[in-house]
Amino acid sequence: MNEANYKEERPWGGFEILHEEAGLKVKRIMVKPGKRLSLQSHEQRAENWVVVRGKARFTLNDETIALEPRQSVFIPAKGRHRIENPGEEELVFIEVQTGTYLGEDDIIRYQDDFNRR
C-alpha cells in the first residue's frame, strides 16, 4: 500500500509520509518545542535522520548528542533511540527507513511521556 502524502498528528507533533516503496519509507517529522518522542527501538528496520530546521537532542543507546540543521545520525535496527526538541522553534527532520518491514507497529517503547505502549 502506498501511503505517500499521508499525515498524522501526534501529541509531540506529527509526521508526513513523503515516499514509500518496498524496503524504503521517507517521512518528514515535526516535533513541537519542548516535546520528545518515546525512547524506542525497532526490530526490523534501520533509520537515517537528517535535521532540516531547529535544534535536537538525540539519544542512541547510552550516548546523547546535540544536532543542528544539516547534521544526520544513523540508527541501526534494535538501537534504543529518542529525539527531543529543546528549542523554542519547531524541529523538523527527515527520516529514511530501510528494512524488511516498515510498519508503524514495529516499535518497542521503553519510556513515553504520553503513556503509549
PDB file of N, CA and C in Angstrom:
ATOM      1  N   MET A   1       0.841  -1.182   0.000  1.00  0.00           N
ATOM      2  CA  MET A   1       0.000   0.000   0.000  1.00  0.00           C
ATOM      3  C   MET A   1       0.883   1.240   0.000  1.00  0.00           C
ATOM      4  N   ASN A   2       0.623   2.163  -0.881  1.00  0.00           N
ATOM      5  CA  ASN A   2       1.374   3.412  -0.946  1.00  0.00           C
ATOM      6  C   ASN A   2       0.675   4.453  -0.100  1.00  0.00           C
ATOM      7  N   GLU A   3       1.352   4.910   0.944  1.00  0.00           N
ATOM      8  CA  GLU A   3       0.775   5.893   1.847  1.00  0.00           C
ATOM      9  C   GLU A   3       1.400   7.271   1.652  1.00  0.00           C
ATOM     10  N   ALA A   4       2.063   7.510   0.525  1.00  0.00           N
ATOM     11  CA  ALA A   4       2.723   8.795   0.304  1.00  0.00           C
ATOM     12  C   ALA A   4       1.723   9.923   0.510  1.00  0.00           C
ATOM     13  N   ASN A   5       2.195  10.991   1.145  1.00  0.00           N
ATOM     14  CA  ASN A   5       1.416  12.175   1.486  1.00  0.00           C
ATOM     15  C   ASN A   5       0.423  11.943   2.613  1.00  0.00           C
ATOM     16  N   TYR A   6       0.496  10.793   3.285  1.00  0.00           N
ATOM     17  CA  TYR A   6      -0.312  10.526   4.464  1.00  0.00           C
ATOM     18  C   TYR A   6       0.245  11.350   5.619  1.00  0.00           C
ATOM     19  N   LYS A   7      -0.634  12.022   6.369  1.00  0.00           N
ATOM     20  CA  LYS A   7      -0.209  12.843   7.503  1.00  0.00           C
ATOM     21  C   LYS A   7      -0.883  12.331   8.768  1.00  0.00           C
ATOM     22  N   GLU A   8      -0.154  12.448   9.881  1.00  0.00           N
ATOM     23  CA  GLU A   8      -0.710  12.033  11.159  1.00  0.00           C
ATOM     24  C   GLU A   8      -0.231  12.977  12.254  1.00  0.00           C
ATOM     25  N   GLU A   9      -1.159  13.416  13.084  1.00  0.00           N
ATOM     26  CA  GLU A   9      -0.827  14.248  14.238  1.00  0.00           C
ATOM     27  C   GLU A   9      -0.534  13.341  15.414  1.00  0.00           C
ATOM     28  N   ARG A  10       0.429  13.734  16.233  1.00  0.00           N
ATOM     29  CA  ARG A  10       0.784  13.015  17.454  1.00  0.00           C
ATOM     30  C   ARG A  10       0.865  14.040  18.584  1.00  0.00           C
ATOM     31  N   PRO A  11       0.874  13.592  19.844  1.00  0.00           N
ATOM     32  CA  PRO A  11       0.937  14.562  20.956  1.00  0.00           C
ATOM     33  C   PRO A  11       2.203  15.410  20.944  1.00  0.00           C
ATOM     34  N   TRP A  12       3.267  14.902  20.362  1.00  0.00           N
ATOM     35  CA  TRP A  12       4.548  15.609  20.310  1.00  0.00           C
ATOM     36  C   TRP A  12       4.726  16.437  19.047  1.00  0.00           C
ATOM     37  N   GLY A  13       3.832  16.302  18.068  1.00  0.00           N
ATOM     38  CA  GLY A  13       3.956  16.994  16.786  1.00  0.00           C
ATOM     39  C   GLY A  13       3.221  16.229  15.712  1.00  0.00           C
ATOM     40  N   GLY A  14       3.957  15.698  14.736  1.00  0.00           N
ATOM     41  CA  GLY A  14       3.324  14.903  13.695  1.00  0.00           C
ATOM     42  C   GLY A  14       4.311  14.506  12.613  1.00  0.00           C
ATOM     43  N   PHE A  15       3.796  13.748  11.628  1.00  0.00           N
ATOM     44  CA  PHE A  15       4.649  13.337  10.518  1.00  0.00           C
ATOM     45  C   PHE A  15       3.846  13.239   9.239  1.00  0.00           C
ATOM     46  N   GLU A  16       4.578  13.272   8.142  1.00  0.00           N
ATOM     47  CA  GLU A  16       4.012  13.111   6.807  1.00  0.00           C
ATOM     48  C   GLU A  16       4.874  12.104   6.058  1.00  0.00           C
ATOM     49  N   ILE A  17       4.248  11.122   5.431  1.00  0.00           N
ATOM     50  CA  ILE A  17       4.986  10.169   4.603  1.00  0.00           C
ATOM     51  C   ILE A  17       5.181  10.795   3.224  1.00  0.00           C
ATOM     52  N   LEU A  18       6.433  10.967   2.836  1.00  0.00           N
ATOM     53  CA  LEU A  18       6.768  11.595   1.556  1.00  0.00           C
ATOM     54  C   LEU A  18       6.906  10.583   0.432  1.00  0.00           C
ATOM     55  N   HIS A  19       7.391   9.384   0.771  1.00  0.00           N
ATOM     56  CA  HIS A  19       7.618   8.353  -0.252  1.00  0.00           C
ATOM     57  C   HIS A  19       7.610   6.992   0.418  1.00  0.00           C
ATOM     58  N   GLU A  20       7.083   6.005  -0.308  1.00  0.00           N
ATOM     59  CA  GLU A  20       7.103   4.641   0.209  1.00  0.00           C
ATOM     60  C   GLU A  20       7.176   3.654  -0.953  1.00  0.00           C
ATOM     61  N   GLU A  21       8.056   2.665  -0.787  1.00  0.00           N
ATOM     62  CA  GLU A  21       8.168   1.552  -1.725  1.00  0.00           C
ATOM     63  C   GLU A  21       8.711   0.367  -0.941  1.00  0.00           C
ATOM     64  N   ALA A  22       8.805  -0.783  -1.548  1.00  0.00           N
ATOM     65  CA  ALA A  22       9.282  -1.977  -0.845  1.00  0.00           C
ATOM     66  C   ALA A  22      10.650  -1.707  -0.227  1.00  0.00           C
ATOM     67  N   GLY A  23      10.760  -1.869   1.086  1.00  0.00           N
ATOM     68  CA  GLY A  23      12.029  -1.716   1.779  1.00  0.00           C
ATOM     69  C   GLY A  23      12.463  -0.305   2.073  1.00  0.00           C
ATOM     70  N   LEU A  24      11.630   0.711   1.737  1.00  0.00           N
ATOM     71  CA  LEU A  24      12.011   2.108   1.906  1.00  0.00           C
ATOM     72  C   LEU A  24      10.791   2.961   2.242  1.00  0.00           C
ATOM     73  N   LYS A  25      10.930   3.801   3.275  1.00  0.00           N
ATOM     74  CA  LYS A  25       9.900   4.791   3.599  1.00  0.00           C
ATOM     75  C   LYS A  25      10.604   6.073   4.014  1.00  0.00           C
ATOM     76  N   VAL A  26      10.105   7.218   3.497  1.00  0.00           N
ATOM     77  CA  VAL A  26      10.678   8.524   3.817  1.00  0.00           C
ATOM     78  C   VAL A  26       9.597   9.376   4.468  1.00  0.00           C
ATOM     79  N   LYS A  27       9.909   9.912   5.660  1.00  0.00           N
ATOM     80  CA  LYS A  27       8.961  10.744   6.397  1.00  0.00           C
ATOM     81  C   LYS A  27       9.556  12.115   6.693  1.00  0.00           C
ATOM     82  N   ARG A  28       8.689  13.100   6.767  1.00  0.00           N
ATOM     83  CA  ARG A  28       9.031  14.425   7.290  1.00  0.00           C
ATOM     84  C   ARG A  28       8.391  14.479   8.674  1.00  0.00           C
ATOM     85  N   ILE A  29       9.202  14.666   9.712  1.00  0.00           N
ATOM     86  CA  ILE A  29       8.717  14.621  11.088  1.00  0.00           C
ATOM     87  C   ILE A  29       8.902  15.986  11.738  1.00  0.00           C
ATOM     88  N   MET A  30       7.852  16.461  12.410  1.00  0.00           N
ATOM     89  CA  MET A  30       7.861  17.739  13.087  1.00  0.00           C
ATOM     90  C   MET A  30       7.675  17.503  14.589  1.00  0.00           C
ATOM     91  N   VAL A  31       8.532  18.130  15.411  1.00  0.00           N
ATOM     92  CA  VAL A  31       8.456  17.994  16.871  1.00  0.00           C
ATOM     93  C   VAL A  31       8.263  19.387  17.471  1.00  0.00           C
ATOM     94  N   LYS A  32       7.208  19.537  18.269  1.00  0.00           N
ATOM     95  CA  LYS A  32       6.901  20.812  18.906  1.00  0.00           C
ATOM     96  C   LYS A  32       7.977  21.185  19.924  1.00  0.00           C
ATOM     97  N   PRO A  33       8.157  22.486  20.168  1.00  0.00           N
ATOM     98  CA  PRO A  33       9.125  22.921  21.180  1.00  0.00           C
ATOM     99  C   PRO A  33       8.848  22.267  22.539  1.00  0.00           C
ATOM    100  N   GLY A  34       9.910  21.783  23.177  1.00  0.00           N
ATOM    101  CA  GLY A  34       9.782  21.173  24.491  1.00  0.00           C
ATOM    102  C   GLY A  34       9.261  19.752  24.505  1.00  0.00           C
ATOM    103  N   LYS A  35       8.967  19.172  23.352  1.00  0.00           N
ATOM    104  CA  LYS A  35       8.419  17.812  23.286  1.00  0.00           C
ATOM    105  C   LYS A  35       9.488  16.830  22.826  1.00  0.00           C
ATOM    106  N   ARG A  36       9.212  15.542  23.044  1.00  0.00           N
ATOM    107  CA  ARG A  36      10.134  14.497  22.611  1.00  0.00           C
ATOM    108  C   ARG A  36       9.350  13.243  22.250  1.00  0.00           C
ATOM    109  N   LEU A  37       9.960  12.445  21.384  1.00  0.00           N
ATOM    110  CA  LEU A  37       9.396  11.154  21.022  1.00  0.00           C
ATOM    111  C   LEU A  37       9.734  10.149  22.108  1.00  0.00           C
ATOM    112  N   SER A  38       9.073   9.015  22.099  1.00  0.00           N
ATOM    113  CA  SER A  38       9.357   7.977  23.093  1.00  0.00           C
ATOM    114  C   SER A  38      10.764   7.420  22.895  1.00  0.00           C
ATOM    115  N   LEU A  39      11.327   6.888  23.981  1.00  0.00           N
ATOM    116  CA  LEU A  39      12.561   6.111  23.891  1.00  0.00           C
ATOM    117  C   LEU A  39      12.132   4.764  23.332  1.00  0.00           C
ATOM    118  N   GLN A  40      12.654   4.393  22.165  1.00  0.00           N
ATOM    119  CA  GLN A  40      12.120   3.261  21.427  1.00  0.00           C
ATOM    120  C   GLN A  40      13.186   2.529  20.645  1.00  0.00           C
ATOM    121  N   SER A  41      12.804   1.371  20.117  1.00  0.00           N
ATOM    122  CA  SER A  41      13.651   0.643  19.170  1.00  0.00           C
ATOM    123  C   SER A  41      12.742  -0.037  18.163  1.00  0.00           C
ATOM    124  N   HIS A  42      13.342  -0.488  17.070  1.00  0.00           N
ATOM    125  CA  HIS A  42      12.634  -1.207  16.007  1.00  0.00           C
ATOM    126  C   HIS A  42      13.383  -2.501  15.729  1.00  0.00           C
ATOM    127  N   GLU A  43      12.672  -3.563  15.595  1.00  0.00           N
ATOM    128  CA  GLU A  43      13.277  -4.872  15.362  1.00  0.00           C
ATOM    129  C   GLU A  43      13.720  -5.071  13.908  1.00  0.00           C
ATOM    130  N   GLN A  44      12.961  -4.524  12.956  1.00  0.00           N
ATOM    131  CA  GLN A  44      13.159  -4.902  11.557  1.00  0.00           C
ATOM    132  C   GLN A  44      13.589  -3.771  10.636  1.00  0.00           C
ATOM    133  N   ARG A  45      13.887  -2.620  11.199  1.00  0.00           N
ATOM    134  CA  ARG A  45      14.303  -1.521  10.325  1.00  0.00           C
ATOM    135  C   ARG A  45      15.406  -0.691  10.953  1.00  0.00           C
ATOM    136  N   ALA A  46      16.189  -0.079  10.079  1.00  0.00           N
ATOM    137  CA  ALA A  46      17.173   0.928  10.459  1.00  0.00           C
ATOM    138  C   ALA A  46      16.643   2.273   9.975  1.00  0.00           C
ATOM    139  N   GLU A  47      17.156   3.354  10.562  1.00  0.00           N
ATOM    140  CA  GLU A  47      16.698   4.680  10.170  1.00  0.00           C
ATOM    141  C   GLU A  47      17.885   5.630  10.055  1.00  0.00           C
ATOM    142  N   ASN A  48      17.773   6.560   9.121  1.00  0.00           N
ATOM    143  CA  ASN A  48      18.692   7.694   8.999  1.00  0.00           C
ATOM    144  C   ASN A  48      17.863   8.946   9.217  1.00  0.00           C
ATOM    145  N   TRP A  49      18.332   9.844  10.079  1.00  0.00           N
ATOM    146  CA  TRP A  49      17.625  11.095  10.358  1.00  0.00           C
ATOM    147  C   TRP A  49      18.512  12.260   9.956  1.00  0.00           C
ATOM    148  N   VAL A  50      17.932  13.240   9.246  1.00  0.00           N
ATOM    149  CA  VAL A  50      18.634  14.460   8.854  1.00  0.00           C
ATOM    150  C   VAL A  50      17.829  15.648   9.376  1.00  0.00           C
ATOM    151  N   VAL A  51      18.454  16.471  10.218  1.00  0.00           N
ATOM    152  CA  VAL A  51      17.777  17.653  10.754  1.00  0.00           C
ATOM    153  C   VAL A  51      17.700  18.716   9.666  1.00  0.00           C
ATOM    154  N   VAL A  52      16.489  19.244   9.466  1.00  0.00           N
ATOM    155  CA  VAL A  52      16.251  20.275   8.458  1.00  0.00           C
ATOM    156  C   VAL A  52      16.131  21.649   9.108  1.00  0.00           C
ATOM    157  N   ARG A  53      15.401  21.711  10.239  1.00  0.00           N
ATOM    158  CA  ARG A  53      15.172  23.004  10.899  1.00  0.00           C
ATOM    159  C   ARG A  53      15.098  22.785  12.408  1.00  0.00           C
ATOM    160  N   GLY A  54      15.645  23.717  13.156  1.00  0.00           N
ATOM    161  CA  GLY A  54      15.585  23.649  14.606  1.00  0.00           C
ATOM    162  C   GLY A  54      16.793  22.928  15.192  1.00  0.00           C
ATOM    163  N   LYS A  55      16.725  22.722  16.510  1.00  0.00           N
ATOM    164  CA  LYS A  55      17.795  22.032  17.222  1.00  0.00           C
ATOM    165  C   LYS A  55      17.225  20.778  17.863  1.00  0.00           C
ATOM    166  N   ALA A  56      18.066  19.766  17.968  1.00  0.00           N
ATOM    167  CA  ALA A  56      17.610  18.483  18.508  1.00  0.00           C
ATOM    168  C   ALA A  56      18.588  17.965  19.544  1.00  0.00           C
ATOM    169  N   ARG A  57      18.051  17.208  20.480  1.00  0.00           N
ATOM    170  CA  ARG A  57      18.864  16.419  21.406  1.00  0.00           C
ATOM    171  C   ARG A  57      18.543  14.973  21.053  1.00  0.00           C
ATOM    172  N   PHE A  58      19.554  14.239  20.610  1.00  0.00           N
ATOM    173  CA  PHE A  58      19.369  12.891  20.101  1.00  0.00           C
ATOM    174  C   PHE A  58      20.070  11.897  21.012  1.00  0.00           C
ATOM    175  N   THR A  59      19.375  10.826  21.342  1.00  0.00           N
ATOM    176  CA  THR A  59      19.936   9.760  22.166  1.00  0.00           C
ATOM    177  C   THR A  59      19.920   8.461  21.387  1.00  0.00           C
ATOM    178  N   LEU A  60      21.058   7.758  21.389  1.00  0.00           N
ATOM    179  CA  LEU A  60      21.166   6.417  20.822  1.00  0.00           C
ATOM    180  C   LEU A  60      21.861   5.558  21.862  1.00  0.00           C
ATOM    181  N   ASN A  61      21.127   4.561  22.363  1.00  0.00           N
ATOM    182  CA  ASN A  61      21.619   3.716  23.447  1.00  0.00           C
ATOM    183  C   ASN A  61      22.017   4.599  24.628  1.00  0.00           C
ATOM    184  N   ASP A  62      23.296   4.672  24.992  1.00  0.00           N
ATOM    185  CA  ASP A  62      23.703   5.461  26.160  1.00  0.00           C
ATOM    186  C   ASP A  62      24.380   6.781  25.806  1.00  0.00           C
ATOM    187  N   GLU A  63      24.332   7.176  24.538  1.00  0.00           N
ATOM    188  CA  GLU A  63      25.002   8.399  24.098  1.00  0.00           C
ATOM    189  C   GLU A  63      23.977   9.447  23.681  1.00  0.00           C
ATOM    190  N   THR A  64      24.165  10.687  24.142  1.00  0.00           N
ATOM    191  CA  THR A  64      23.290  11.803  23.771  1.00  0.00           C
ATOM    192  C   THR A  64      24.134  12.889  23.125  1.00  0.00           C
ATOM    193  N   ILE A  65      23.660  13.401  21.978  1.00  0.00           N
ATOM    194  CA  ILE A  65      24.374  14.462  21.268  1.00  0.00           C
ATOM    195  C   ILE A  65      23.385  15.539  20.826  1.00  0.00           C
ATOM    196  N   ALA A  66      23.910  16.738  20.598  1.00  0.00           N
ATOM    197  CA  ALA A  66      23.116  17.835  20.052  1.00  0.00           C
ATOM    198  C   ALA A  66      23.242  17.808  18.531  1.00  0.00           C
ATOM    199  N   LEU A  67      22.126  18.070  17.860  1.00  0.00           N
ATOM    200  CA  LEU A  67      22.115  18.118  16.392  1.00  0.00           C
ATOM    201  C   LEU A  67      21.544  19.452  15.927  1.00  0.00           C
ATOM    202  N   GLU A  68      22.080  19.956  14.833  1.00  0.00           N
ATOM    203  CA  GLU A  68      21.604  21.184  14.215  1.00  0.00           C
ATOM    204  C   GLU A  68      21.291  20.902  12.743  1.00  0.00           C
ATOM    205  N   PRO A  69      20.686  21.860  12.047  1.00  0.00           N
ATOM    206  CA  PRO A  69      20.368  21.638  10.637  1.00  0.00           C
ATOM    207  C   PRO A  69      21.568  21.146   9.828  1.00  0.00           C
ATOM    208  N   ARG A  70      21.294  20.224   8.922  1.00  0.00           N
ATOM    209  CA  ARG A  70      22.245  19.586   8.011  1.00  0.00           C
ATOM    210  C   ARG A  70      23.067  18.497   8.678  1.00  0.00           C
ATOM    211  N   GLN A  71      22.836  18.220   9.964  1.00  0.00           N
ATOM    212  CA  GLN A  71      23.528  17.110  10.616  1.00  0.00           C
ATOM    213  C   GLN A  71      22.623  15.888  10.581  1.00  0.00           C
ATOM    214  N   SER A  72      23.240  14.702  10.600  1.00  0.00           N
ATOM    215  CA  SER A  72      22.466  13.469  10.486  1.00  0.00           C
ATOM    216  C   SER A  72      22.991  12.400  11.436  1.00  0.00           C
ATOM    217  N   VAL A  73      22.145  11.400  11.666  1.00  0.00           N
ATOM    218  CA  VAL A  73      22.507  10.263  12.516  1.00  0.00           C
ATOM    219  C   VAL A  73      21.956   8.989  11.882  1.00  0.00           C
ATOM    220  N   PHE A  74      22.619   7.873  12.175  1.00  0.00           N
ATOM    221  CA  PHE A  74      22.174   6.557  11.719  1.00  0.00           C
ATOM    222  C   PHE A  74      21.737   5.763  12.943  1.00  0.00           C
ATOM    223  N   ILE A  75      20.583   5.127  12.847  1.00  0.00           N
ATOM    224  CA  ILE A  75      20.037   4.312  13.937  1.00  0.00           C
ATOM    225  C   ILE A  75      19.933   2.879  13.428  1.00  0.00           C
ATOM    226  N   PRO A  76      20.758   1.982  13.934  1.00  0.00           N
ATOM    227  CA  PRO A  76      20.672   0.585  13.481  1.00  0.00           C
ATOM    228  C   PRO A  76      19.428  -0.089  14.049  1.00  0.00           C
ATOM    229  N   ALA A  77      18.981  -1.150  13.402  1.00  0.00           N
ATOM    230  CA  ALA A  77      17.876  -1.947  13.940  1.00  0.00           C
ATOM    231  C   ALA A  77      18.223  -2.335  15.371  1.00  0.00           C
ATOM    232  N   LYS A  78      17.257  -2.289  16.242  1.00  0.00           N
ATOM    233  CA  LYS A  78      17.353  -2.638  17.667  1.00  0.00           C
ATOM    234  C   LYS A  78      18.057  -1.584  18.512  1.00  0.00           C
ATOM    235  N   GLY A  79      18.509  -0.481  17.914  1.00  0.00           N
ATOM    236  CA  GLY A  79      19.124   0.595  18.693  1.00  0.00           C
ATOM    237  C   GLY A  79      18.060   1.388  19.444  1.00  0.00           C
ATOM    238  N   ARG A  80      18.260   1.595  20.744  1.00  0.00           N
ATOM    239  CA  ARG A  80      17.325   2.399  21.546  1.00  0.00           C
ATOM    240  C   ARG A  80      17.592   3.865  21.247  1.00  0.00           C
ATOM    241  N   HIS A  81      16.560   4.572  20.795  1.00  0.00           N
ATOM    242  CA  HIS A  81      16.771   5.949  20.366  1.00  0.00           C
ATOM    243  C   HIS A  81      15.605   6.855  20.745  1.00  0.00           C
ATOM    244  N   ARG A  82      15.918   8.152  20.750  1.00  0.00           N
ATOM    245  CA  ARG A  82      14.924   9.185  21.050  1.00  0.00           C
ATOM    246  C   ARG A  82      15.439  10.494  20.490  1.00  0.00           C
ATOM    247  N   ILE A  83      14.502  11.353  20.108  1.00  0.00           N
ATOM    248  CA  ILE A  83      14.858  12.716  19.723  1.00  0.00           C
ATOM    249  C   ILE A  83      13.934  13.651  20.466  1.00  0.00           C
ATOM    250  N   GLU A  84      14.495  14.788  20.883  1.00  0.00           N
ATOM    251  CA  GLU A  84      13.684  15.780  21.582  1.00  0.00           C
ATOM    252  C   GLU A  84      14.025  17.164  21.074  1.00  0.00           C
ATOM    253  N   ASN A  85      13.074  18.069  21.250  1.00  0.00           N
ATOM    254  CA  ASN A  85      13.237  19.440  20.798  1.00  0.00           C
ATOM    255  C   ASN A  85      13.439  20.344  22.013  1.00  0.00           C
ATOM    256  N   PRO A  86      14.700  20.709  22.303  1.00  0.00           N
ATOM    257  CA  PRO A  86      14.958  21.579  23.443  1.00  0.00           C
ATOM    258  C   PRO A  86      14.799  23.064  23.106  1.00  0.00           C
ATOM    259  N   GLY A  87      14.529  23.361  21.842  1.00  0.00           N
ATOM    260  CA  GLY A  87      14.482  24.746  21.381  1.00  0.00           C
ATOM    261  C   GLY A  87      13.106  25.379  21.501  1.00  0.00           C
ATOM    262  N   GLU A  88      13.020  26.603  20.971  1.00  0.00           N
ATOM    263  CA  GLU A  88      11.771  27.366  21.015  1.00  0.00           C
ATOM    264  C   GLU A  88      11.057  27.383  19.671  1.00  0.00           C
ATOM    265  N   GLU A  89      11.669  26.786  18.648  1.00  0.00           N
ATOM    266  CA  GLU A  89      11.006  26.679  17.343  1.00  0.00           C
ATOM    267  C   GLU A  89      10.783  25.205  17.013  1.00  0.00           C
ATOM    268  N   GLU A  90       9.910  24.953  16.070  1.00  0.00           N
ATOM    269  CA  GLU A  90       9.618  23.583  15.671  1.00  0.00           C
ATOM    270  C   GLU A  90      10.877  22.898  15.130  1.00  0.00           C
ATOM    271  N   LEU A  91      11.070  21.643  15.520  1.00  0.00           N
ATOM    272  CA  LEU A  91      12.143  20.809  14.990  1.00  0.00           C
ATOM    273  C   LEU A  91      11.576  20.018  13.820  1.00  0.00           C
ATOM    274  N   VAL A  92      12.275  20.042  12.689  1.00  0.00           N
ATOM    275  CA  VAL A  92      11.860  19.280  11.509  1.00  0.00           C
ATOM    276  C   VAL A  92      13.039  18.421  11.079  1.00  0.00           C
ATOM    277  N   PHE A  93      12.773  17.124  10.876  1.00  0.00           N
ATOM    278  CA  PHE A  93      13.816  16.249  10.351  1.00  0.00           C
ATOM    279  C   PHE A  93      13.213  15.256   9.380  1.00  0.00           C
ATOM    280  N   ILE A  94      14.073  14.750   8.501  1.00  0.00           N
ATOM    281  CA  ILE A  94      13.679  13.739   7.520  1.00  0.00           C
ATOM    282  C   ILE A  94      14.157  12.387   8.029  1.00  0.00           C
ATOM    283  N   GLU A  95      13.255  11.417   8.023  1.00  0.00           N
ATOM    284  CA  GLU A  95      13.567  10.058   8.461  1.00  0.00           C
ATOM    285  C   GLU A  95      13.507   9.135   7.247  1.00  0.00           C
ATOM    286  N   VAL A  96      14.584   8.411   7.001  1.00  0.00           N
ATOM    287  CA  VAL A  96      14.628   7.427   5.926  1.00  0.00           C
ATOM    288  C   VAL A  96      14.707   6.046   6.574  1.00  0.00           C
ATOM    289  N   GLN A  97      13.646   5.270   6.422  1.00  0.00           N
ATOM    290  CA  GLN A  97      13.583   3.920   6.979  1.00  0.00           C
ATOM    291  C   GLN A  97      13.948   2.908   5.908  1.00  0.00           C
ATOM    292  N   THR A  98      14.766   1.919   6.279  1.00  0.00           N
ATOM    293  CA  THR A  98      15.085   0.821   5.372  1.00  0.00           C
ATOM    294  C   THR A  98      14.995  -0.482   6.151  1.00  0.00           C
ATOM    295  N   GLY A  99      14.478  -1.510   5.502  1.00  0.00           N
ATOM    296  CA  GLY A  99      14.373  -2.806   6.159  1.00  0.00           C
ATOM    297  C   GLY A  99      13.327  -3.683   5.517  1.00  0.00           C
ATOM    298  N   THR A 100      13.165  -4.858   6.081  1.00  0.00           N
ATOM    299  CA  THR A 100      12.228  -5.836   5.523  1.00  0.00           C
ATOM    300  C   THR A 100      10.786  -5.538   5.884  1.00  0.00           C
ATOM    301  N   TYR A 101      10.566  -4.825   7.004  1.00  0.00           N
ATOM    302  CA  TYR A 101       9.211  -4.477   7.433  1.00  0.00           C
ATOM    303  C   TYR A 101       9.248  -3.069   8.001  1.00  0.00           C
ATOM    304  N   LEU A 102       8.351  -2.195   7.505  1.00  0.00           N
ATOM    305  CA  LEU A 102       8.374  -0.785   7.883  1.00  0.00           C
ATOM    306  C   LEU A 102       7.079  -0.322   8.545  1.00  0.00           C
ATOM    307  N   GLY A 103       6.289  -1.249   9.056  1.00  0.00           N
ATOM    308  CA  GLY A 103       5.017  -0.896   9.679  1.00  0.00           C
ATOM    309  C   GLY A 103       5.185  -0.107  10.962  1.00  0.00           C
ATOM    310  N   GLU A 104       4.179   0.721  11.267  1.00  0.00           N
ATOM    311  CA  GLU A 104       4.203   1.530  12.483  1.00  0.00           C
ATOM    312  C   GLU A 104       4.164   0.672  13.750  1.00  0.00           C
ATOM    313  N   ASP A 105       3.766  -0.590  13.628  1.00  0.00           N
ATOM    314  CA  ASP A 105       3.703  -1.464  14.804  1.00  0.00           C
ATOM    315  C   ASP A 105       5.046  -2.137  15.123  1.00  0.00           C
ATOM    316  N   ASP A 106       6.089  -1.872  14.342  1.00  0.00           N
ATOM    317  CA  ASP A 106       7.422  -2.403  14.653  1.00  0.00           C
ATOM    318  C   ASP A 106       8.114  -1.423  15.594  1.00  0.00           C
ATOM    319  N   ILE A 107       7.615  -1.350  16.807  1.00  0.00           N
ATOM    320  CA  ILE A 107       8.151  -0.409  17.783  1.00  0.00           C
ATOM    321  C   ILE A 107       8.066  -1.019  19.176  1.00  0.00           C
ATOM    322  N   ILE A 108       9.144  -0.858  19.902  1.00  0.00           N
ATOM    323  CA  ILE A 108       9.162  -1.214  21.327  1.00  0.00           C
ATOM    324  C   ILE A 108       9.420   0.088  22.061  1.00  0.00           C
ATOM    325  N   ARG A 109       8.493   0.484  22.937  1.00  0.00           N
ATOM    326  CA  ARG A 109       8.654   1.715  23.711  1.00  0.00           C
ATOM    327  C   ARG A 109       9.169   1.371  25.102  1.00  0.00           C
ATOM    328  N   TYR A 110      10.234   2.044  25.510  1.00  0.00           N
ATOM    329  CA  TYR A 110      10.829   1.846  26.829  1.00  0.00           C
ATOM    330  C   TYR A 110      10.402   2.945  27.791  1.00  0.00           C
ATOM    331  N   GLN A 111      10.165   4.151  27.237  1.00  0.00           N
ATOM    332  CA  GLN A 111       9.721   5.280  28.045  1.00  0.00           C
ATOM    333  C   GLN A 111       8.930   6.204  27.118  1.00  0.00           C
ATOM    334  N   ASP A 112       7.801   6.715  27.628  1.00  0.00           N
ATOM    335  CA  ASP A 112       6.961   7.563  26.788  1.00  0.00           C
ATOM    336  C   ASP A 112       6.262   8.615  27.656  1.00  0.00           C
ATOM    337  N   ASP A 113       6.377   9.870  27.269  1.00  0.00           N
ATOM    338  CA  ASP A 113       5.754  10.972  28.016  1.00  0.00           C
ATOM    339  C   ASP A 113       4.229  10.960  27.932  1.00  0.00           C
ATOM    340  N   PHE A 114       3.676  10.190  26.986  1.00  0.00           N
ATOM    341  CA  PHE A 114       2.240  10.201  26.743  1.00  0.00           C
ATOM    342  C   PHE A 114       1.584   8.855  27.073  1.00  0.00           C
ATOM    343  N   ASN A 115       2.314   8.027  27.810  1.00  0.00           N
ATOM    344  CA  ASN A 115       1.808   6.732  28.295  1.00  0.00           C
ATOM    345  C   ASN A 115       1.323   5.792  27.191  1.00  0.00           C
ATOM    346  N   ARG A 116       1.991   5.865  26.030  1.00  0.00           N
ATOM    347  CA  ARG A 116       1.683   4.923  24.957  1.00  0.00           C
ATOM    348  C   ARG A 116       2.523   3.671  25.158  1.00  0.00           C
ATOM    349  N   ARG A 117       2.055   2.554  24.639  1.00  0.00           N
ATOM    350  CA  ARG A 117       2.803   1.301  24.745  1.00  0.00           C
ATOM    351  C   ARG A 117       3.311   0.864  23.399  1.00  0.00           C
TER     352      ARG A 117
END
